[in-house]
Amino acid sequence: MPEERYNPHNKGWGAAALIITLAILANVTAYTIHKATYLKPDKSRQEAAQH
């Protein structure tokens, strides 16, 4: 039964890729929500109510 040598450089890349993917997805979601709901401070209440 051959023993595999321990190589610390090839462990955990799947978990790292998953976390990076989740971070990108969270940023895209936050940006989308921001663009859909943000009102500029200089808009009047009447203009804001129309949107």
N, C-alpha and C. Protein backbone atom coordinates (compact mmCIF):
# COMPACT_ATOMS: atom_id res chain seq x y z
N MET A 1 0.84 -1.17 0.00
CA MET A 1 0.00 0.00 0.00
C MET A 1 0.89 1.24 0.00
N PRO A 2 0.91 1.99 -1.10
CA PRO A 2 1.79 3.16 -1.16
C PRO A 2 1.26 4.30 -0.28
N GLU A 3 2.18 4.94 0.38
CA GLU A 3 1.80 6.08 1.22
C GLU A 3 2.01 7.37 0.44
N GLU A 4 1.00 8.24 0.51
CA GLU A 4 1.15 9.53 -0.14
C GLU A 4 1.92 10.45 0.79
N ARG A 5 2.84 11.20 0.20
CA ARG A 5 3.57 12.18 1.00
C ARG A 5 2.68 13.36 1.28
N TYR A 6 2.80 13.93 2.44
CA TYR A 6 2.02 15.11 2.82
C TYR A 6 2.59 16.33 2.12
N ASN A 7 1.75 17.00 1.38
CA ASN A 7 2.15 18.22 0.68
C ASN A 7 1.19 19.34 1.12
N PRO A 8 1.64 20.27 1.93
CA PRO A 8 0.74 21.31 2.43
C PRO A 8 0.28 22.29 1.37
N HIS A 9 0.84 22.24 0.18
CA HIS A 9 0.49 23.20 -0.86
C HIS A 9 -0.72 22.79 -1.69
N ASN A 10 -1.21 21.58 -1.53
CA ASN A 10 -2.35 21.17 -2.35
C ASN A 10 -3.59 20.90 -1.52
N LYS A 11 -3.64 21.38 -0.31
CA LYS A 11 -4.79 21.16 0.56
C LYS A 11 -5.60 22.44 0.70
N GLY A 12 -6.91 22.33 0.66
CA GLY A 12 -7.77 23.46 0.97
C GLY A 12 -8.13 24.38 -0.18
N TRP A 13 -7.71 24.05 -1.39
CA TRP A 13 -8.02 24.94 -2.51
C TRP A 13 -9.50 24.94 -2.83
N GLY A 14 -10.17 23.83 -2.62
CA GLY A 14 -11.62 23.78 -2.86
C GLY A 14 -12.37 24.69 -1.91
N ALA A 15 -12.00 24.66 -0.63
CA ALA A 15 -12.64 25.53 0.36
C ALA A 15 -12.33 27.00 0.06
N ALA A 16 -11.11 27.29 -0.32
CA ALA A 16 -10.74 28.68 -0.65
C ALA A 16 -11.53 29.17 -1.86
N ALA A 17 -11.68 28.35 -2.86
CA ALA A 17 -12.45 28.73 -4.05
C ALA A 17 -13.91 28.96 -3.70
N LEU A 18 -14.47 28.14 -2.82
CA LEU A 18 -15.85 28.30 -2.40
C LEU A 18 -16.04 29.63 -1.66
N ILE A 19 -15.14 29.96 -0.77
CA ILE A 19 -15.23 31.21 -0.01
C ILE A 19 -15.09 32.42 -0.93
N ILE A 20 -14.17 32.36 -1.87
CA ILE A 20 -13.99 33.46 -2.81
C ILE A 20 -15.24 33.63 -3.67
N THR A 21 -15.82 32.53 -4.12
CA THR A 21 -17.04 32.58 -4.92
C THR A 21 -18.18 33.19 -4.12
N LEU A 22 -18.32 32.79 -2.86
CA LEU A 22 -19.38 33.35 -2.02
C LEU A 22 -19.16 34.85 -1.78
N ALA A 23 -17.93 35.27 -1.61
CA ALA A 23 -17.64 36.70 -1.41
C ALA A 23 -18.00 37.50 -2.65
N ILE A 24 -17.67 37.00 -3.83
CA ILE A 24 -18.01 37.69 -5.07
C ILE A 24 -19.53 37.76 -5.23
N LEU A 25 -20.21 36.67 -4.94
CA LEU A 25 -21.67 36.64 -5.04
C LEU A 25 -22.30 37.64 -4.06
N ALA A 26 -21.77 37.73 -2.85
CA ALA A 26 -22.30 38.68 -1.86
C ALA A 26 -22.11 40.11 -2.33
N ASN A 27 -20.96 40.42 -2.92
CA ASN A 27 -20.70 41.77 -3.42
C ASN A 27 -21.62 42.12 -4.59
N VAL A 28 -21.83 41.21 -5.49
CA VAL A 28 -22.71 41.45 -6.62
C VAL A 28 -24.15 41.66 -6.13
N THR A 29 -24.59 40.85 -5.19
CA THR A 29 -25.93 41.00 -4.63
C THR A 29 -26.09 42.35 -3.94
N ALA A 30 -25.12 42.73 -3.12
CA ALA A 30 -25.19 44.01 -2.42
C ALA A 30 -25.22 45.18 -3.41
N TYR A 31 -24.43 45.11 -4.45
CA TYR A 31 -24.40 46.18 -5.46
C TYR A 31 -25.74 46.26 -6.19
N THR A 32 -26.32 45.12 -6.52
CA THR A 32 -27.60 45.09 -7.20
C THR A 32 -28.70 45.70 -6.33
N ILE A 33 -28.72 45.34 -5.06
CA ILE A 33 -29.71 45.90 -4.14
C ILE A 33 -29.49 47.40 -3.99
N HIS A 34 -28.25 47.81 -3.88
CA HIS A 34 -27.93 49.23 -3.75
C HIS A 34 -28.44 50.01 -4.96
N LYS A 35 -28.16 49.52 -6.16
CA LYS A 35 -28.59 50.23 -7.37
C LYS A 35 -30.11 50.29 -7.46
N ALA A 36 -30.81 49.29 -6.96
CA ALA A 36 -32.26 49.25 -7.07
C ALA A 36 -32.94 50.12 -6.02
N THR A 37 -32.29 50.39 -4.90
CA THR A 37 -32.98 51.07 -3.80
C THR A 37 -32.39 52.41 -3.40
N TYR A 38 -31.23 52.77 -3.88
CA TYR A 38 -30.58 54.00 -3.45
C TYR A 38 -31.25 55.23 -4.06
N LEU A 39 -31.52 56.21 -3.23
CA LEU A 39 -32.02 57.50 -3.70
C LEU A 39 -30.99 58.56 -3.38
N LYS A 40 -30.72 59.42 -4.35
CA LYS A 40 -29.75 60.49 -4.13
C LYS A 40 -30.30 61.45 -3.07
N PRO A 41 -29.44 61.98 -2.23
CA PRO A 41 -29.89 62.88 -1.16
C PRO A 41 -30.54 64.17 -1.69
N ASP A 42 -30.25 64.57 -2.91
CA ASP A 42 -30.81 65.82 -3.41
C ASP A 42 -32.19 65.66 -4.05
N LYS A 43 -32.74 64.47 -4.10
CA LYS A 43 -34.08 64.27 -4.64
C LYS A 43 -35.12 64.73 -3.62
N SER A 44 -36.16 65.36 -4.11
CA SER A 44 -37.23 65.77 -3.20
C SER A 44 -38.09 64.56 -2.85
N ARG A 45 -38.88 64.68 -1.81
CA ARG A 45 -39.75 63.57 -1.40
C ARG A 45 -40.76 63.24 -2.50
N GLN A 46 -41.23 64.25 -3.21
CA GLN A 46 -42.22 64.01 -4.25
C GLN A 46 -41.61 63.21 -5.40
N GLU A 47 -40.39 63.53 -5.78
CA GLU A 47 -39.71 62.76 -6.84
C GLU A 47 -39.47 61.34 -6.38
N ALA A 48 -39.08 61.18 -5.14
CA ALA A 48 -38.79 59.84 -4.61
C ALA A 48 -40.06 58.99 -4.57
N ALA A 49 -41.20 59.59 -4.27
CA ALA A 49 -42.47 58.86 -4.19
C ALA A 49 -42.91 58.37 -5.56
N GLN A 50 -42.52 59.07 -6.61
CA GLN A 50 -42.91 58.67 -7.96
C GLN A 50 -42.17 57.43 -8.42
N HIS A 51 -41.02 57.15 -7.87
CA HIS A 51 -40.20 56.00 -8.31
C HIS A 51 -40.55 54.82 -7.54
